[in-house]
Amino acid sequence: VERQEEGSSSRAPCSAGARASTRPWQEELEPRTATSIRTRQEEGSSSRASWRAGAPRRNLRLLLRDAAEDDEAVAAYALKWLGFALYHPVLISTISGQLAQSILATLVRLIMTTKMKAICNLAVWCISVQQLEASVVEDGLTPLLNAIVYALDNPFGSLSTTFEAIQGGKTNCS
């Protein structure tokens, strides 16, 4: 292990003052009492609840953006999370009809245009596991079925894509 000569260090020594200045998010807090803590919790609970209510929609929009990435790893992780969100009953309940249509349109576009076998397979899987309201799926049924038929034609020669397309056809046509 090499030792640097004294005074040649590019970093300043870490003192109490230096630490405080590198953490701008820390604030001086009022003395903590049971009343002040309870008041903060009450004030924060309504804002946290409203933030949580909008968080799934914001996150789903980000997942849609990432699913369309050229980077296969980013797109694959986004589609895995999207599939989870489309299956989970609590998360499904937060998805508006318009957002659901956008999700389905993105999945159809990915299936029909991607050059990556894994992304096509994951997009078809998302369609096969989705638990969206039937009325939402019916609104976009023709493009959805076209994408499933495209996946059944198996442009990548993938048995798993064929399997997911069959499952997607069962899920969406029953």
C-alpha atoms as a PDB file:
ATOM      1  CA  VAL A   1       0.000   0.000   0.000  1.00  0.00           C
ATOM      2  CA  GLU A   2       1.463   3.325  -1.049  1.00  0.00           C
ATOM      3  CA  ARG A   3       1.381   6.234   1.344  1.00  0.00           C
ATOM      4  CA  GLN A   4       0.836   9.743   0.160  1.00  0.00           C
ATOM      5  CA  GLU A   5       3.140  12.379   1.429  1.00  0.00           C
ATOM      6  CA  GLU A   6       1.688  14.763   3.951  1.00  0.00           C
ATOM      7  CA  GLY A   7       0.104  17.760   2.231  1.00  0.00           C
ATOM      8  CA  SER A   8      -0.203  15.992  -1.145  1.00  0.00           C
ATOM      9  CA  SER A   9      -3.657  14.645  -0.501  1.00  0.00           C
ATOM     10  CA  SER A  10      -6.298  15.886  -2.898  1.00  0.00           C
ATOM     11  CA  ARG A  11      -9.004  15.430  -0.281  1.00  0.00           C
ATOM     12  CA  ALA A  12      -9.486  17.635   2.708  1.00  0.00           C
ATOM     13  CA  PRO A  13      -9.505  15.946   6.089  1.00  0.00           C
ATOM     14  CA  CYS A  14     -12.973  15.051   7.258  1.00  0.00           C
ATOM     15  CA  SER A  15     -13.883  17.280  10.150  1.00  0.00           C
ATOM     16  CA  ALA A  16     -17.262  17.920  11.729  1.00  0.00           C
ATOM     17  CA  GLY A  17     -17.614  21.132   9.744  1.00  0.00           C
ATOM     18  CA  ALA A  18     -16.699  19.445   6.468  1.00  0.00           C
ATOM     19  CA  ARG A  19     -19.222  16.681   7.043  1.00  0.00           C
ATOM     20  CA  ALA A  20     -22.046  19.096   7.717  1.00  0.00           C
ATOM     21  CA  SER A  21     -21.325  21.062   4.571  1.00  0.00           C
ATOM     22  CA  THR A  22     -21.365  17.917   2.404  1.00  0.00           C
ATOM     23  CA  ARG A  23     -24.846  16.968   3.598  1.00  0.00           C
ATOM     24  CA  PRO A  24     -27.154  19.772   2.488  1.00  0.00           C
ATOM     25  CA  TRP A  25     -30.254  17.689   3.152  1.00  0.00           C
ATOM     26  CA  GLN A  26     -29.630  17.759   6.885  1.00  0.00           C
ATOM     27  CA  GLU A  27     -31.511  20.450   8.685  1.00  0.00           C
ATOM     28  CA  GLU A  28     -31.368  21.697  12.185  1.00  0.00           C
ATOM     29  CA  LEU A  29     -34.181  20.010  14.001  1.00  0.00           C
ATOM     30  CA  GLU A  30     -36.232  21.451  16.815  1.00  0.00           C
ATOM     31  CA  PRO A  31     -35.884  19.615  20.102  1.00  0.00           C
ATOM     32  CA  ARG A  32     -37.673  16.302  19.785  1.00  0.00           C
ATOM     33  CA  THR A  33     -40.647  15.900  22.009  1.00  0.00           C
ATOM     34  CA  ALA A  34     -43.494  13.447  21.755  1.00  0.00           C
ATOM     35  CA  THR A  35     -45.797  16.279  20.625  1.00  0.00           C
ATOM     36  CA  SER A  36     -43.473  17.606  17.892  1.00  0.00           C
ATOM     37  CA  ILE A  37     -42.857  14.115  16.520  1.00  0.00           C
ATOM     38  CA  ARG A  38     -46.581  13.312  16.503  1.00  0.00           C
ATOM     39  CA  THR A  39     -47.360  16.646  14.784  1.00  0.00           C
ATOM     40  CA  ARG A  40     -44.758  15.988  12.080  1.00  0.00           C
ATOM     41  CA  GLN A  41     -46.123  12.505  11.512  1.00  0.00           C
ATOM     42  CA  GLU A  42     -49.679  13.814  11.183  1.00  0.00           C
ATOM     43  CA  GLU A  43     -48.620  16.575   8.779  1.00  0.00           C
ATOM     44  CA  GLY A  44     -46.522  14.192   6.723  1.00  0.00           C
ATOM     45  CA  SER A  45     -48.997  11.326   6.572  1.00  0.00           C
ATOM     46  CA  SER A  46     -51.425  13.114   4.246  1.00  0.00           C
ATOM     47  CA  SER A  47     -48.665  14.238   1.892  1.00  0.00           C
ATOM     48  CA  ARG A  48     -47.120  10.756   1.930  1.00  0.00           C
ATOM     49  CA  ALA A  49     -50.493   9.209   1.152  1.00  0.00           C
ATOM     50  CA  SER A  50     -51.030  11.506  -1.829  1.00  0.00           C
ATOM     51  CA  TRP A  51     -47.475  10.821  -3.023  1.00  0.00           C
ATOM     52  CA  ARG A  52     -48.021   7.051  -2.720  1.00  0.00           C
ATOM     53  CA  ALA A  53     -51.278   7.275  -4.649  1.00  0.00           C
ATOM     54  CA  GLY A  54     -49.538   8.870  -7.645  1.00  0.00           C
ATOM     55  CA  ALA A  55     -46.292   6.889  -7.394  1.00  0.00           C
ATOM     56  CA  PRO A  56     -47.466   3.777  -9.278  1.00  0.00           C
ATOM     57  CA  ARG A  57     -48.599   5.869 -12.258  1.00  0.00           C
ATOM     58  CA  ARG A  58     -45.327   7.798 -12.349  1.00  0.00           C
ATOM     59  CA  ASN A  59     -43.305   4.599 -12.028  1.00  0.00           C
ATOM     60  CA  LEU A  60     -45.283   2.837 -14.745  1.00  0.00           C
ATOM     61  CA  ARG A  61     -44.617   5.698 -17.152  1.00  0.00           C
ATOM     62  CA  LEU A  62     -40.901   5.395 -16.380  1.00  0.00           C
ATOM     63  CA  LEU A  63     -41.061   1.635 -16.929  1.00  0.00           C
ATOM     64  CA  LEU A  64     -42.695   2.192 -20.317  1.00  0.00           C
ATOM     65  CA  ARG A  65     -39.938   4.594 -21.275  1.00  0.00           C
ATOM     66  CA  ASP A  66     -37.252   2.144 -20.136  1.00  0.00           C
ATOM     67  CA  ALA A  67     -38.938  -0.806 -21.880  1.00  0.00           C
ATOM     68  CA  ALA A  68     -38.398   0.981 -25.191  1.00  0.00           C
ATOM     69  CA  GLU A  69     -34.653   1.444 -24.535  1.00  0.00           C
ATOM     70  CA  ASP A  70     -32.123   0.080 -27.010  1.00  0.00           C
ATOM     71  CA  ASP A  71     -30.134  -1.319 -24.079  1.00  0.00           C
ATOM     72  CA  GLU A  72     -31.462  -4.871 -23.726  1.00  0.00           C
ATOM     73  CA  ALA A  73     -30.684  -5.142 -20.007  1.00  0.00           C
ATOM     74  CA  VAL A  74     -32.576  -1.934 -19.172  1.00  0.00           C
ATOM     75  CA  ALA A  75     -35.534  -2.910 -21.333  1.00  0.00           C
ATOM     76  CA  ALA A  76     -35.636  -6.437 -19.877  1.00  0.00           C
ATOM     77  CA  TYR A  77     -35.674  -5.225 -16.264  1.00  0.00           C
ATOM     78  CA  ALA A  78     -38.371  -2.680 -17.090  1.00  0.00           C
ATOM     79  CA  LEU A  79     -40.543  -5.346 -18.706  1.00  0.00           C
ATOM     80  CA  LYS A  80     -40.099  -7.696 -15.746  1.00  0.00           C
ATOM     81  CA  TRP A  81     -41.278  -4.968 -13.367  1.00  0.00           C
ATOM     82  CA  LEU A  82     -44.073  -4.029 -15.732  1.00  0.00           C
ATOM     83  CA  GLY A  83     -45.250  -7.645 -15.814  1.00  0.00           C
ATOM     84  CA  PHE A  84     -45.296  -7.697 -12.027  1.00  0.00           C
ATOM     85  CA  ALA A  85     -47.302  -4.460 -11.936  1.00  0.00           C
ATOM     86  CA  LEU A  86     -49.774  -5.781 -14.515  1.00  0.00           C
ATOM     87  CA  TYR A  87     -50.343  -8.900 -12.414  1.00  0.00           C
ATOM     88  CA  HIS A  88     -50.437  -7.439  -8.890  1.00  0.00           C
ATOM     89  CA  PRO A  89     -54.046  -6.673  -7.830  1.00  0.00           C
ATOM     90  CA  VAL A  90     -53.179  -3.622  -5.718  1.00  0.00           C
ATOM     91  CA  LEU A  91     -51.047  -2.059  -8.448  1.00  0.00           C
ATOM     92  CA  ILE A  92     -53.566  -2.886 -11.174  1.00  0.00           C
ATOM     93  CA  SER A  93     -56.210  -0.964  -9.245  1.00  0.00           C
ATOM     94  CA  THR A  94     -54.167   2.249  -9.571  1.00  0.00           C
ATOM     95  CA  ILE A  95     -53.869   2.097 -13.376  1.00  0.00           C
ATOM     96  CA  SER A  96     -56.243   4.393 -15.256  1.00  0.00           C
ATOM     97  CA  GLY A  97     -57.846   3.297 -18.525  1.00  0.00           C
ATOM     98  CA  GLN A  98     -55.711   5.740 -20.489  1.00  0.00           C
ATOM     99  CA  LEU A  99     -52.486   4.487 -18.896  1.00  0.00           C
ATOM    100  CA  ALA A 100     -53.564   0.882 -19.484  1.00  0.00           C
ATOM    101  CA  GLN A 101     -54.113   1.660 -23.175  1.00  0.00           C
ATOM    102  CA  SER A 102     -50.663   3.242 -23.325  1.00  0.00           C
ATOM    103  CA  ILE A 103     -49.127   0.162 -21.676  1.00  0.00           C
ATOM    104  CA  LEU A 104     -50.818  -2.211 -24.126  1.00  0.00           C
ATOM    105  CA  ALA A 105     -49.850  -0.050 -27.114  1.00  0.00           C
ATOM    106  CA  THR A 106     -46.215  -0.017 -25.951  1.00  0.00           C
ATOM    107  CA  LEU A 107     -46.196  -3.805 -25.530  1.00  0.00           C
ATOM    108  CA  VAL A 108     -47.707  -4.291 -29.001  1.00  0.00           C
ATOM    109  CA  ARG A 109     -45.143  -1.934 -30.533  1.00  0.00           C
ATOM    110  CA  LEU A 110     -42.279  -3.748 -28.781  1.00  0.00           C
ATOM    111  CA  ILE A 111     -43.464  -7.167 -29.953  1.00  0.00           C
ATOM    112  CA  MET A 112     -43.865  -6.010 -33.537  1.00  0.00           C
ATOM    113  CA  THR A 113     -40.655  -3.963 -33.866  1.00  0.00           C
ATOM    114  CA  THR A 114     -37.962  -5.256 -31.519  1.00  0.00           C
ATOM    115  CA  LYS A 115     -34.923  -7.019 -32.895  1.00  0.00           C
ATOM    116  CA  MET A 116     -34.187  -8.620 -29.509  1.00  0.00           C
ATOM    117  CA  LYS A 117     -35.658 -12.046 -28.767  1.00  0.00           C
ATOM    118  CA  ALA A 118     -35.697 -11.522 -24.974  1.00  0.00           C
ATOM    119  CA  ILE A 119     -37.603  -8.242 -25.273  1.00  0.00           C
ATOM    120  CA  CYS A 120     -40.201  -9.788 -27.569  1.00  0.00           C
ATOM    121  CA  ASN A 121     -40.595 -12.713 -25.175  1.00  0.00           C
ATOM    122  CA  LEU A 122     -40.956 -10.447 -22.116  1.00  0.00           C
ATOM    123  CA  ALA A 123     -43.454  -8.174 -23.855  1.00  0.00           C
ATOM    124  CA  VAL A 124     -45.585 -11.193 -24.787  1.00  0.00           C
ATOM    125  CA  TRP A 125     -45.233 -12.464 -21.214  1.00  0.00           C
ATOM    126  CA  CYS A 126     -46.516  -9.102 -19.913  1.00  0.00           C
ATOM    127  CA  ILE A 127     -49.588  -9.504 -22.088  1.00  0.00           C
ATOM    128  CA  SER A 128     -50.135 -13.070 -20.894  1.00  0.00           C
ATOM    129  CA  VAL A 129     -49.976 -12.189 -17.168  1.00  0.00           C
ATOM    130  CA  GLN A 130     -51.845  -8.876 -17.254  1.00  0.00           C
ATOM    131  CA  GLN A 131     -54.967  -8.550 -15.123  1.00  0.00           C
ATOM    132  CA  LEU A 132     -56.380  -5.365 -16.649  1.00  0.00           C
ATOM    133  CA  GLU A 133     -60.112  -4.762 -16.812  1.00  0.00           C
ATOM    134  CA  ALA A 134     -61.712  -6.580 -19.749  1.00  0.00           C
ATOM    135  CA  SER A 135     -63.160  -3.324 -21.102  1.00  0.00           C
ATOM    136  CA  VAL A 136     -59.677  -1.811 -21.357  1.00  0.00           C
ATOM    137  CA  VAL A 137     -58.310  -4.844 -23.187  1.00  0.00           C
ATOM    138  CA  GLU A 138     -61.320  -4.969 -25.519  1.00  0.00           C
ATOM    139  CA  ASP A 139     -60.660  -1.386 -26.643  1.00  0.00           C
ATOM    140  CA  GLY A 140     -57.273  -2.408 -28.041  1.00  0.00           C
ATOM    141  CA  LEU A 141     -58.021  -6.028 -28.857  1.00  0.00           C
ATOM    142  CA  THR A 142     -57.247  -5.975 -32.612  1.00  0.00           C
ATOM    143  CA  PRO A 143     -53.658  -4.703 -32.305  1.00  0.00           C
ATOM    144  CA  LEU A 144     -53.158  -6.958 -29.279  1.00  0.00           C
ATOM    145  CA  LEU A 145     -54.263 -10.038 -31.225  1.00  0.00           C
ATOM    146  CA  ASN A 146     -52.107  -8.985 -34.184  1.00  0.00           C
ATOM    147  CA  ALA A 147     -49.099  -8.867 -31.846  1.00  0.00           C
ATOM    148  CA  ILE A 148     -49.954 -12.288 -30.412  1.00  0.00           C
ATOM    149  CA  VAL A 149     -50.280 -13.760 -33.925  1.00  0.00           C
ATOM    150  CA  TYR A 150     -46.948 -12.138 -34.848  1.00  0.00           C
ATOM    151  CA  ALA A 151     -45.349 -13.779 -31.798  1.00  0.00           C
ATOM    152  CA  LEU A 152     -46.940 -17.129 -32.737  1.00  0.00           C
ATOM    153  CA  ASP A 153     -45.330 -16.826 -36.171  1.00  0.00           C
ATOM    154  CA  ASN A 154     -42.165 -16.923 -34.068  1.00  0.00           C
ATOM    155  CA  PRO A 155     -39.793 -14.529 -35.828  1.00  0.00           C
ATOM    156  CA  PHE A 156     -36.980 -15.468 -33.403  1.00  0.00           C
ATOM    157  CA  GLY A 157     -37.504 -19.238 -33.395  1.00  0.00           C
ATOM    158  CA  SER A 158     -38.152 -19.176 -29.648  1.00  0.00           C
ATOM    159  CA  LEU A 159     -40.326 -21.845 -28.062  1.00  0.00           C
ATOM    160  CA  SER A 160     -40.791 -19.719 -24.950  1.00  0.00           C
ATOM    161  CA  THR A 161     -42.159 -16.842 -27.063  1.00  0.00           C
ATOM    162  CA  THR A 162     -44.593 -19.253 -28.712  1.00  0.00           C
ATOM    163  CA  PHE A 163     -45.676 -20.551 -25.304  1.00  0.00           C
ATOM    164  CA  GLU A 164     -46.212 -17.023 -23.936  1.00  0.00           C
ATOM    165  CA  ALA A 165     -48.132 -16.031 -27.069  1.00  0.00           C
ATOM    166  CA  ILE A 166     -50.464 -19.017 -26.595  1.00  0.00           C
ATOM    167  CA  GLN A 167     -50.948 -18.033 -22.946  1.00  0.00           C
ATOM    168  CA  GLY A 168     -51.586 -14.431 -24.002  1.00  0.00           C
ATOM    169  CA  GLY A 169     -54.159 -15.576 -26.520  1.00  0.00           C
ATOM    170  CA  LYS A 170     -55.926 -17.642 -23.856  1.00  0.00           C
ATOM    171  CA  THR A 171     -55.863 -14.790 -21.348  1.00  0.00           C
ATOM    172  CA  ASN A 172     -57.118 -12.111 -23.698  1.00  0.00           C
ATOM    173  CA  CYS A 173     -59.670 -14.089 -25.688  1.00  0.00           C
ATOM    174  CA  SER A 174     -61.470 -15.783 -22.832  1.00  0.00           C
END
